[in-house]
C-alpha atoms as a PDB file:
ATOM      1  CA  UNK A   1    -104.826 -66.162-191.743  1.00  0.00           C
ATOM      2  CA  UNK A   2    -101.255 -65.577-190.518  1.00  0.00           C
ATOM      3  CA  UNK A   3     -99.715 -67.400-187.575  1.00  0.00           C
ATOM      4  CA  UNK A   4    -100.109 -64.486-185.123  1.00  0.00           C
ATOM      5  CA  UNK A   5    -103.803 -64.040-185.945  1.00  0.00           C
ATOM      6  CA  UNK A   6    -104.410 -67.753-185.602  1.00  0.00           C
ATOM      7  CA  UNK A   7    -102.613 -67.742-182.257  1.00  0.00           C
ATOM      8  CA  UNK A   8    -104.798 -64.904-180.955  1.00  0.00           C
ATOM      9  CA  UNK A   9    -107.992 -66.549-182.198  1.00  0.00           C
ATOM     10  CA  UNK A  10    -107.154 -69.807-180.442  1.00  0.00           C
ATOM     11  CA  UNK A  11    -106.093 -67.971-177.278  1.00  0.00           C
ATOM     12  CA  UNK A  12    -109.302 -65.906-177.107  1.00  0.00           C
ATOM     13  CA  UNK A  13    -111.482 -68.941-177.702  1.00  0.00           C
ATOM     14  CA  UNK A  14    -109.628 -70.718-174.909  1.00  0.00           C
ATOM     15  CA  UNK A  15    -109.979 -67.643-172.712  1.00  0.00           C
ATOM     16  CA  UNK A  16    -113.746 -67.553-173.297  1.00  0.00           C
ATOM     17  CA  UNK A  17    -114.034 -71.149-172.090  1.00  0.00           C
ATOM     18  CA  UNK A  18    -111.713 -70.393-169.182  1.00  0.00           C
ATOM     19  CA  UNK A  19    -113.892 -67.450-168.061  1.00  0.00           C
ATOM     20  CA  UNK A  20    -116.981 -69.660-167.996  1.00  0.00           C
ATOM     21  CA  UNK A  21    -115.243 -72.232-165.803  1.00  0.00           C
ATOM     22  CA  UNK A  22    -113.735 -69.526-163.598  1.00  0.00           C
ATOM     23  CA  UNK A  23    -117.161 -68.055-162.819  1.00  0.00           C
ATOM     24  CA  UNK A  24    -118.173 -71.329-161.122  1.00  0.00           C
ATOM     25  CA  UNK A  25    -115.195 -71.442-158.726  1.00  0.00           C
ATOM     26  CA  UNK A  26    -116.207 -70.813-155.089  1.00  0.00           C
ATOM     27  CA  UNK A  27    -113.016 -71.663-153.175  1.00  0.00           C
ATOM     28  CA  UNK A  28    -109.287 -71.069-153.563  1.00  0.00           C
ATOM     29  CA  UNK A  29    -108.796 -74.756-154.405  1.00  0.00           C
ATOM     30  CA  UNK A  30    -111.423 -74.574-157.152  1.00  0.00           C
ATOM     31  CA  UNK A  31    -109.817 -71.373-158.452  1.00  0.00           C
ATOM     32  CA  UNK A  32    -106.414 -73.065-158.560  1.00  0.00           C
ATOM     33  CA  UNK A  33    -107.837 -76.136-160.297  1.00  0.00           C
ATOM     34  CA  UNK A  34    -109.422 -74.061-163.091  1.00  0.00           C
ATOM     35  CA  UNK A  35    -106.202 -72.095-163.667  1.00  0.00           C
ATOM     36  CA  UNK A  36    -104.090 -75.275-163.654  1.00  0.00           C
ATOM     37  CA  UNK A  37    -106.254 -76.998-166.264  1.00  0.00           C
ATOM     38  CA  UNK A  38    -106.690 -74.109-168.725  1.00  0.00           C
ATOM     39  CA  UNK A  39    -103.659 -71.820-168.514  1.00  0.00           C
ATOM     40  CA  UNK A  40    -101.651 -74.016-170.890  1.00  0.00           C
ATOM     41  CA  UNK A  41    -104.148 -73.172-173.649  1.00  0.00           C
ATOM     42  CA  UNK A  42    -103.610 -69.418-173.232  1.00  0.00           C
ATOM     43  CA  UNK A  43     -99.831 -69.044-173.557  1.00  0.00           C
ATOM     44  CA  UNK A  44     -96.634 -71.062-173.292  1.00  0.00           C
ATOM     45  CA  UNK A  45     -94.714 -70.987-170.028  1.00  0.00           C
ATOM     46  CA  UNK A  46     -92.662 -73.149-167.707  1.00  0.00           C
ATOM     47  CA  UNK A  47     -94.047 -71.919-164.384  1.00  0.00           C
ATOM     48  CA  UNK A  48     -96.814 -69.430-163.588  1.00  0.00           C
ATOM     49  CA  UNK A  49     -97.041 -67.632-160.255  1.00  0.00           C
ATOM     50  CA  UNK A  50     -99.539 -65.061-158.963  1.00  0.00           C
ATOM     51  CA  UNK A  51     -99.294 -63.270-155.604  1.00  0.00           C
ATOM     52  CA  UNK A  52    -102.249 -61.563-153.884  1.00  0.00           C
ATOM     53  CA  UNK A  53    -101.756 -58.995-151.137  1.00  0.00           C
ATOM     54  CA  UNK A  54    -104.420 -57.066-149.252  1.00  0.00           C
ATOM     55  CA  UNK A  55    -105.316 -56.301-145.647  1.00  0.00           C
ATOM     56  CA  UNK A  56    -107.138 -59.529-144.760  1.00  0.00           C
ATOM     57  CA  UNK A  57    -105.941 -62.037-147.379  1.00  0.00           C
ATOM     58  CA  UNK A  58    -102.418 -62.769-148.610  1.00  0.00           C
ATOM     59  CA  UNK A  59    -101.830 -65.860-150.734  1.00  0.00           C
ATOM     60  CA  UNK A  60     -99.440 -67.027-153.440  1.00  0.00           C
ATOM     61  CA  UNK A  61    -100.575 -69.448-156.169  1.00  0.00           C
ATOM     62  CA  UNK A  62     -97.814 -71.298-158.036  1.00  0.00           C
ATOM     63  CA  UNK A  63     -98.540 -73.514-161.081  1.00  0.00           C
ATOM     64  CA  UNK A  64     -96.257 -76.037-162.727  1.00  0.00           C
ATOM     65  CA  UNK A  65     -97.675 -78.532-165.217  1.00  0.00           C
ATOM     66  CA  UNK A  66    -100.385 -80.563-163.411  1.00  0.00           C
ATOM     67  CA  UNK A  67     -99.530 -79.311-159.923  1.00  0.00           C
ATOM     68  CA  UNK A  68    -100.322 -76.128-158.052  1.00  0.00           C
ATOM     69  CA  UNK A  69     -99.583 -74.766-154.561  1.00  0.00           C
ATOM     70  CA  UNK A  70    -101.489 -72.238-152.453  1.00  0.00           C
ATOM     71  CA  UNK A  71     -99.236 -70.798-149.744  1.00  0.00           C
ATOM     72  CA  UNK A  72     -99.175 -67.891-147.257  1.00  0.00           C
ATOM     73  CA  UNK A  73     -97.437 -64.890-148.773  1.00  0.00           C
ATOM     74  CA  UNK A  74     -95.192 -64.219-145.784  1.00  0.00           C
ATOM     75  CA  UNK A  75     -93.710 -67.740-146.005  1.00  0.00           C
ATOM     76  CA  UNK A  76     -92.853 -67.929-149.732  1.00  0.00           C
ATOM     77  CA  UNK A  77     -92.447 -64.394-151.113  1.00  0.00           C
ATOM     78  CA  UNK A  78     -89.315 -63.904-153.235  1.00  0.00           C
ATOM     79  CA  UNK A  79     -87.091 -60.813-153.291  1.00  0.00           C
ATOM     80  CA  UNK A  80     -88.136 -59.892-156.842  1.00  0.00           C
ATOM     81  CA  UNK A  81     -91.802 -59.952-155.697  1.00  0.00           C
ATOM     82  CA  UNK A  82     -90.993 -57.643-152.800  1.00  0.00           C
ATOM     83  CA  UNK A  83     -89.373 -55.285-155.306  1.00  0.00           C
ATOM     84  CA  UNK A  84     -92.447 -55.449-157.551  1.00  0.00           C
ATOM     85  CA  UNK A  85     -94.684 -54.544-154.606  1.00  0.00           C
ATOM     86  CA  UNK A  86     -92.402 -51.647-153.774  1.00  0.00           C
ATOM     87  CA  UNK A  87     -91.524 -50.192-157.207  1.00  0.00           C
ATOM     88  CA  UNK A  88     -94.307 -51.524-159.496  1.00  0.00           C
ATOM     89  CA  UNK A  89     -91.837 -51.847-162.407  1.00  0.00           C
ATOM     90  CA  UNK A  90     -92.329 -54.842-164.774  1.00  0.00           C
ATOM     91  CA  UNK A  91     -89.243 -56.762-165.865  1.00  0.00           C
ATOM     92  CA  UNK A  92     -87.917 -59.521-168.079  1.00  0.00           C
ATOM     93  CA  UNK A  93     -84.531 -60.894-167.105  1.00  0.00           C
ATOM     94  CA  UNK A  94     -82.281 -63.904-166.841  1.00  0.00           C
ATOM     95  CA  UNK A  95     -82.348 -64.866-163.140  1.00  0.00           C
ATOM     96  CA  UNK A  96     -78.976 -64.866-161.384  1.00  0.00           C
ATOM     97  CA  UNK A  97     -80.109 -67.829-159.306  1.00  0.00           C
ATOM     98  CA  UNK A  98     -82.852 -70.391-159.744  1.00  0.00           C
ATOM     99  CA  UNK A  99     -85.513 -69.688-157.099  1.00  0.00           C
ATOM    100  CA  UNK A 100     -88.101 -72.329-157.873  1.00  0.00           C
ATOM    101  CA  UNK A 101     -86.485 -75.610-156.807  1.00  0.00           C
ATOM    102  CA  UNK A 102     -89.437 -76.215-154.487  1.00  0.00           C
ATOM    103  CA  UNK A 103     -91.704 -76.464-157.534  1.00  0.00           C
ATOM    104  CA  UNK A 104     -89.513 -77.447-160.503  1.00  0.00           C
ATOM    105  CA  UNK A 105     -85.945 -78.681-160.793  1.00  0.00           C
ATOM    106  CA  UNK A 106     -83.471 -76.258-162.301  1.00  0.00           C
ATOM    107  CA  UNK A 107     -82.023 -79.174-164.304  1.00  0.00           C
ATOM    108  CA  UNK A 108     -85.301 -79.331-166.224  1.00  0.00           C
ATOM    109  CA  UNK A 109     -85.004 -75.692-167.279  1.00  0.00           C
ATOM    110  CA  UNK A 110     -82.881 -74.497-170.185  1.00  0.00           C
ATOM    111  CA  UNK A 111     -82.108 -70.812-170.723  1.00  0.00           C
ATOM    112  CA  UNK A 112     -84.593 -69.611-168.075  1.00  0.00           C
ATOM    113  CA  UNK A 113     -86.175 -66.193-168.458  1.00  0.00           C
ATOM    114  CA  UNK A 114     -88.167 -64.570-165.643  1.00  0.00           C
ATOM    115  CA  UNK A 115     -90.997 -62.119-166.366  1.00  0.00           C
ATOM    116  CA  UNK A 116     -92.754 -59.992-163.750  1.00  0.00           C
ATOM    117  CA  UNK A 117     -95.704 -57.533-163.571  1.00  0.00           C
ATOM    118  CA  UNK A 118     -97.513 -55.533-160.925  1.00  0.00           C
ATOM    119  CA  UNK A 119    -101.291 -54.864-160.899  1.00  0.00           C
ATOM    120  CA  UNK A 120    -103.560 -53.080-158.444  1.00  0.00           C
ATOM    121  CA  UNK A 121    -107.327 -53.492-158.019  1.00  0.00           C
ATOM    122  CA  UNK A 122    -108.669 -51.135-155.344  1.00  0.00           C
ATOM    123  CA  UNK A 123    -106.960 -52.416-152.162  1.00  0.00           C
ATOM    124  CA  UNK A 124    -105.764 -55.652-153.768  1.00  0.00           C
ATOM    125  CA  UNK A 125    -102.161 -55.768-155.011  1.00  0.00           C
ATOM    126  CA  UNK A 126    -101.204 -58.500-157.473  1.00  0.00           C
ATOM    127  CA  UNK A 127     -97.755 -59.619-158.602  1.00  0.00           C
ATOM    128  CA  UNK A 128     -97.574 -61.996-161.571  1.00  0.00           C
ATOM    129  CA  UNK A 129     -94.426 -63.803-162.621  1.00  0.00           C
ATOM    130  CA  UNK A 130     -93.742 -66.282-165.406  1.00  0.00           C
ATOM    131  CA  UNK A 131     -90.727 -68.528-165.701  1.00  0.00           C
ATOM    132  CA  UNK A 132     -90.118 -69.310-169.376  1.00  0.00           C
ATOM    133  CA  UNK A 133     -87.424 -71.356-171.097  1.00  0.00           C
ATOM    134  CA  UNK A 134     -86.706 -72.953-174.447  1.00  0.00           C
ATOM    135  CA  UNK A 135     -89.536 -75.471-173.975  1.00  0.00           C
ATOM    136  CA  UNK A 136     -92.070 -72.978-172.579  1.00  0.00           C
ATOM    137  CA  UNK A 137     -91.439 -69.807-174.491  1.00  0.00           C
ATOM    138  CA  UNK A 138     -93.413 -66.737-173.408  1.00  0.00           C
ATOM    139  CA  UNK A 139     -93.060 -63.536-175.480  1.00  0.00           C
ATOM    140  CA  UNK A 140     -94.489 -60.018-175.714  1.00  0.00           C
ATOM    141  CA  UNK A 141     -97.359 -61.122-177.935  1.00  0.00           C
ATOM    142  CA  UNK A 142     -98.773 -63.033-174.951  1.00  0.00           C
ATOM    143  CA  UNK A 143     -98.909 -60.021-172.610  1.00  0.00           C
ATOM    144  CA  UNK A 144    -102.357 -58.865-173.751  1.00  0.00           C
ATOM    145  CA  UNK A 145    -104.021 -62.209-173.044  1.00  0.00           C
ATOM    146  CA  UNK A 146    -102.044 -62.406-169.775  1.00  0.00           C
ATOM    147  CA  UNK A 147    -103.557 -59.102-168.594  1.00  0.00           C
ATOM    148  CA  UNK A 148    -107.066 -60.333-169.396  1.00  0.00           C
ATOM    149  CA  UNK A 149    -106.300 -63.494-167.468  1.00  0.00           C
ATOM    150  CA  UNK A 150    -105.042 -61.576-164.421  1.00  0.00           C
ATOM    151  CA  UNK A 151    -108.073 -59.234-164.445  1.00  0.00           C
ATOM    152  CA  UNK A 152    -110.443 -62.197-164.333  1.00  0.00           C
ATOM    153  CA  UNK A 153    -108.458 -64.109-161.715  1.00  0.00           C
ATOM    154  CA  UNK A 154    -108.172 -61.033-159.458  1.00  0.00           C
ATOM    155  CA  UNK A 155    -111.927 -60.396-159.683  1.00  0.00           C
ATOM    156  CA  UNK A 156    -112.707 -63.998-158.794  1.00  0.00           C
ATOM    157  CA  UNK A 157    -110.145 -63.925-155.962  1.00  0.00           C
ATOM    158  CA  UNK A 158    -111.827 -60.837-154.444  1.00  0.00           C
ATOM    159  CA  UNK A 159    -115.226 -62.526-154.739  1.00  0.00           C
ATOM    160  CA  UNK A 160    -113.980 -65.604-152.886  1.00  0.00           C
ATOM    161  CA  UNK A 161    -112.324 -63.484-150.179  1.00  0.00           C
ATOM    162  CA  UNK A 162    -115.552 -61.512-149.708  1.00  0.00           C
ATOM    163  CA  UNK A 163    -117.584 -64.733-149.606  1.00  0.00           C
ATOM    164  CA  UNK A 164    -115.236 -66.204-146.977  1.00  0.00           C
ATOM    165  CA  UNK A 165    -115.490 -63.045-144.849  1.00  0.00           C
ATOM    166  CA  UNK A 166    -119.281 -63.104-145.149  1.00  0.00           C
ATOM    167  CA  UNK A 167    -119.428 -66.754-144.093  1.00  0.00           C
ATOM    168  CA  UNK A 168    -117.247 -66.032-141.057  1.00  0.00           C
ATOM    169  CA  UNK A 169    -119.423 -63.051-140.084  1.00  0.00           C
ATOM    170  CA  UNK A 170    -122.583 -65.131-140.502  1.00  0.00           C
ATOM    171  CA  UNK A 171    -121.078 -67.890-138.389  1.00  0.00           C
ATOM    172  CA  UNK A 172    -120.091 -65.404-135.671  1.00  0.00           C
ATOM    173  CA  UNK A 173    -123.562 -63.843-135.839  1.00  0.00           C
ATOM    174  CA  UNK A 174    -125.240 -67.237-135.435  1.00  0.00           C
ATOM    175  CA  UNK A 175    -123.008 -68.035-132.456  1.00  0.00           C
ATOM    176  CA  UNK A 176    -123.822 -64.635-130.920  1.00  0.00           C
ATOM    177  CA  UNK A 177    -127.553 -65.239-131.434  1.00  0.00           C
ATOM    178  CA  UNK A 178    -127.254 -68.668-129.810  1.00  0.00           C
ATOM    179  CA  UNK A 179    -125.472 -67.075-126.856  1.00  0.00           C
ATOM    180  CA  UNK A 180    -128.173 -64.396-126.563  1.00  0.00           C
ATOM    181  CA  UNK A 181    -130.908 -67.050-126.700  1.00  0.00           C
ATOM    182  CA  UNK A 182    -129.163 -69.058-123.989  1.00  0.00           C
ATOM    183  CA  UNK A 183    -128.806 -65.950-121.805  1.00  0.00           C
ATOM    184  CA  UNK A 184    -132.476 -65.139-122.369  1.00  0.00           C
ATOM    185  CA  UNK A 185    -133.427 -68.663-121.290  1.00  0.00           C
ATOM    186  CA  UNK A 186    -131.302 -68.307-118.174  1.00  0.00           C
ATOM    187  CA  UNK A 187    -132.843 -64.909-117.367  1.00  0.00           C
ATOM    188  CA  UNK A 188    -136.355 -66.278-117.942  1.00  0.00           C
ATOM    189  CA  UNK A 189    -135.586 -69.209-115.654  1.00  0.00           C
ATOM    190  CA  UNK A 190    -134.279 -66.855-112.948  1.00  0.00           C
ATOM    191  CA  UNK A 191    -137.333 -64.574-113.292  1.00  0.00           C
ATOM    192  CA  UNK A 192    -139.707 -67.549-113.039  1.00  0.00           C
ATOM    193  CA  UNK A 193    -137.870 -68.795-109.957  1.00  0.00           C
ATOM    194  CA  UNK A 194    -138.096 -65.356-108.392  1.00  0.00           C
ATOM    195  CA  UNK A 195    -141.820 -65.200-109.171  1.00  0.00           C
ATOM    196  CA  UNK A 196    -142.318 -68.588-107.515  1.00  0.00           C
ATOM    197  CA  UNK A 197    -140.272 -67.535-104.492  1.00  0.00           C
ATOM    198  CA  UNK A 198    -142.190 -64.248-104.180  1.00  0.00           C
ATOM    199  CA  UNK A 199    -145.535 -66.043-104.515  1.00  0.00           C
ATOM    200  CA  UNK A 200    -144.522 -68.585-101.873  1.00  0.00           C
ATOM    201  CA  UNK A 201    -143.264 -65.905 -99.501  1.00  0.00           C
ATOM    202  CA  UNK A 202    -146.448 -63.857-100.047  1.00  0.00           C
ATOM    203  CA  UNK A 203    -148.523 -66.899 -99.193  1.00  0.00           C
ATOM    204  CA  UNK A 204    -146.446 -67.470 -96.043  1.00  0.00           C
ATOM    205  CA  UNK A 205    -146.834 -63.817 -94.992  1.00  0.00           C
ATOM    206  CA  UNK A 206    -150.588 -63.985 -95.481  1.00  0.00           C
ATOM    207  CA  UNK A 207    -150.781 -67.159 -93.393  1.00  0.00           C
ATOM    208  CA  UNK A 208    -148.622 -65.568 -90.702  1.00  0.00           C
ATOM    209  CA  UNK A 209    -150.822 -62.465 -90.693  1.00  0.00           C
ATOM    210  CA  UNK A 210    -153.913 -64.633 -90.283  1.00  0.00           C
ATOM    211  CA  UNK A 211    -152.216 -66.434 -87.411  1.00  0.00           C
ATOM    212  CA  UNK A 212    -151.251 -63.148 -85.762  1.00  0.00           C
ATOM    213  CA  UNK A 213    -154.833 -61.864 -86.077  1.00  0.00           C
ATOM    214  CA  UNK A 214    -156.144 -65.031 -84.459  1.00  0.00           C
ATOM    215  CA  UNK A 215    -153.598 -64.743 -81.637  1.00  0.00           C
ATOM    216  CA  UNK A 216    -154.497 -61.074 -81.138  1.00  0.00           C
ATOM    217  CA  UNK A 217    -158.206 -61.870 -80.939  1.00  0.00           C
ATOM    218  CA  UNK A 218    -157.629 -64.704 -78.485  1.00  0.00           C
ATOM    219  CA  UNK A 219    -155.328 -62.537 -76.351  1.00  0.00           C
ATOM    220  CA  UNK A 220    -157.846 -59.710 -76.356  1.00  0.00           C
ATOM    221  CA  UNK A 221    -160.559 -62.081 -75.146  1.00  0.00           C
ATOM    222  CA  UNK A 222    -158.335 -63.545 -72.406  1.00  0.00           C
ATOM    223  CA  UNK A 223    -157.448 -60.066 -71.133  1.00  0.00           C
ATOM    224  CA  UNK A 224    -160.929 -58.622 -71.468  1.00  0.00           C
ATOM    225  CA  UNK A 225    -162.622 -61.075 -69.059  1.00  0.00           C
ATOM    226  CA  UNK A 226    -160.555 -60.407 -65.839  1.00  0.00           C
ATOM    227  CA  UNK A 227    -160.220 -56.722 -66.769  1.00  0.00           C
ATOM    228  CA  UNK A 228    -164.017 -56.395 -67.010  1.00  0.00           C
ATOM    229  CA  UNK A 229    -164.376 -57.953 -63.553  1.00  0.00           C
ATOM    230  CA  UNK A 230    -161.853 -55.499 -62.115  1.00  0.00           C
ATOM    231  CA  UNK A 231    -163.635 -52.525 -63.703  1.00  0.00           C
ATOM    232  CA  UNK A 232    -166.958 -53.814 -62.363  1.00  0.00           C
ATOM    233  CA  UNK A 233    -165.560 -54.202 -58.867  1.00  0.00           C
ATOM    234  CA  UNK A 234    -164.161 -50.664 -59.011  1.00  0.00           C
ATOM    235  CA  UNK A 235    -167.615 -49.313 -59.877  1.00  0.00           C
ATOM    236  CA  UNK A 236    -169.112 -51.272 -56.967  1.00  0.00           C
ATOM    237  CA  UNK A 237    -166.372 -49.993 -54.629  1.00  0.00           C
ATOM    238  CA  UNK A 238    -167.363 -46.421 -55.333  1.00  0.00           C
ATOM    239  CA  UNK A 239    -170.811 -47.106 -53.794  1.00  0.00           C
ATOM    240  CA  UNK A 240    -169.675 -49.195 -50.801  1.00  0.00           C
ATOM    241  CA  UNK A 241    -168.690 -47.952 -47.377  1.00  0.00           C
ATOM    242  CA  UNK A 242    -164.964 -48.071 -46.730  1.00  0.00           C
ATOM    243  CA  UNK A 243    -165.287 -50.538 -43.856  1.00  0.00           C
ATOM    244  CA  UNK A 244    -166.918 -53.104 -46.185  1.00  0.00           C
ATOM    245  CA  UNK A 245    -164.203 -52.874 -48.892  1.00  0.00           C
ATOM    246  CA  UNK A 246    -161.584 -54.866 -47.029  1.00  0.00           C
ATOM    247  CA  UNK A 247    -163.909 -57.656 -46.029  1.00  0.00           C
ATOM    248  CA  UNK A 248    -166.218 -58.011 -49.024  1.00  0.00           C
ATOM    249  CA  UNK A 249    -164.567 -56.503 -52.166  1.00  0.00           C
ATOM    250  CA  UNK A 250    -160.791 -56.751 -51.884  1.00  0.00           C
ATOM    251  CA  UNK A 251    -160.679 -60.585 -52.003  1.00  0.00           C
ATOM    252  CA  UNK A 252    -162.592 -60.544 -55.334  1.00  0.00           C
ATOM    253  CA  UNK A 253    -160.423 -57.723 -56.645  1.00  0.00           C
ATOM    254  CA  UNK A 254    -157.300 -59.674 -55.729  1.00  0.00           C
ATOM    255  CA  UNK A 255    -158.567 -62.809 -57.522  1.00  0.00           C
ATOM    256  CA  UNK A 256    -159.421 -60.808 -60.667  1.00  0.00           C
ATOM    257  CA  UNK A 257    -156.002 -59.104 -60.611  1.00  0.00           C
ATOM    258  CA  UNK A 258    -154.297 -62.499 -60.355  1.00  0.00           C
ATOM    259  CA  UNK A 259    -156.384 -63.806 -63.299  1.00  0.00           C
ATOM    260  CA  UNK A 260    -155.373 -60.740 -65.318  1.00  0.00           C
ATOM    261  CA  UNK A 261    -151.716 -61.328 -64.446  1.00  0.00           C
ATOM    262  CA  UNK A 262    -151.967 -64.971 -65.564  1.00  0.00           C
ATOM    263  CA  UNK A 263    -153.621 -63.930 -68.847  1.00  0.00           C
ATOM    264  CA  UNK A 264    -150.912 -61.343 -69.533  1.00  0.00           C
ATOM    265  CA  UNK A 265    -148.157 -63.902 -68.866  1.00  0.00           C
ATOM    266  CA  UNK A 266    -149.857 -66.344 -71.238  1.00  0.00           C
ATOM    267  CA  UNK A 267    -150.106 -63.624 -73.894  1.00  0.00           C
ATOM    268  CA  UNK A 268    -146.409 -62.798 -73.543  1.00  0.00           C
ATOM    269  CA  UNK A 269    -145.406 -66.458 -73.781  1.00  0.00           C
ATOM    270  CA  UNK A 270    -147.744 -67.201 -76.698  1.00  0.00           C
ATOM    271  CA  UNK A 271    -146.758 -64.068 -78.632  1.00  0.00           C
ATOM    272  CA  UNK A 272    -143.061 -64.788 -78.143  1.00  0.00           C
ATOM    273  CA  UNK A 273    -143.534 -68.368 -79.316  1.00  0.00           C
ATOM    274  CA  UNK A 274    -145.443 -67.312 -82.441  1.00  0.00           C
ATOM    275  CA  UNK A 275    -142.908 -64.612 -83.328  1.00  0.00           C
ATOM    276  CA  UNK A 276    -140.029 -67.084 -82.957  1.00  0.00           C
ATOM    277  CA  UNK A 277    -141.886 -69.545 -85.167  1.00  0.00           C
ATOM    278  CA  UNK A 278    -142.420 -66.923 -87.877  1.00  0.00           C
ATOM    279  CA  UNK A 279    -138.803 -65.751 -87.773  1.00  0.00           C
ATOM    280  CA  UNK A 280    -137.510 -69.309 -88.055  1.00  0.00           C
ATOM    281  CA  UNK A 281    -139.625 -70.161 -91.105  1.00  0.00           C
END
């Protein structure tokens, strides 16, 4: 077996193990940890960087030896990455300036060579860049395994983004359901209070009606007695001579009229008192 074949066999065996580990990653940190641990078995490099850009998620992962960084795209994007996103043209060049001092010292890099590629997966845009040097030498024979690596990482990235969106939606849905339940409890409480108020007011109205009926009956009785006397005297007067009316009947008629007047005054006072009492309750 020649050296190239042996290199591919080792790389594909390492990639198979990497894919198994990658499938278990559920967060960006776990994704970064898997890449950090296994990428050195796939191809030589000094620094590996992968940029993700889509509508709702934009991150840059940078890997150097045992360290990795996950950063917002808008804060750390380089000019060559902007050009990749715009023109989609891969490149391999000696950088005019060393851009990666934040991650690795330029003094630790000899004869640096910067590689760059653009990939697109539906709405997800991916820019991959590799910094190679004399100690971490990347060459064209590694591109095939690199593309397999990027395909798997991009798929896992989209899965994590979708999972995060789903968790946020579920959280918002639970909060909305809690709010609806609380509003329903408040409405139920208000309805129950209104039912109690209506029942109490209905009871009061019934009691007031009973009271008014009793007052009406009592008033009718008080008026009926002197009124009956007056009507009786009038019937008697029709049969009496006129000369006897003044002496015998008028005094009784006057007394009955006075009794009727007293009863009517009492009715007015009592009715007014009861009405005021009802209105004030």
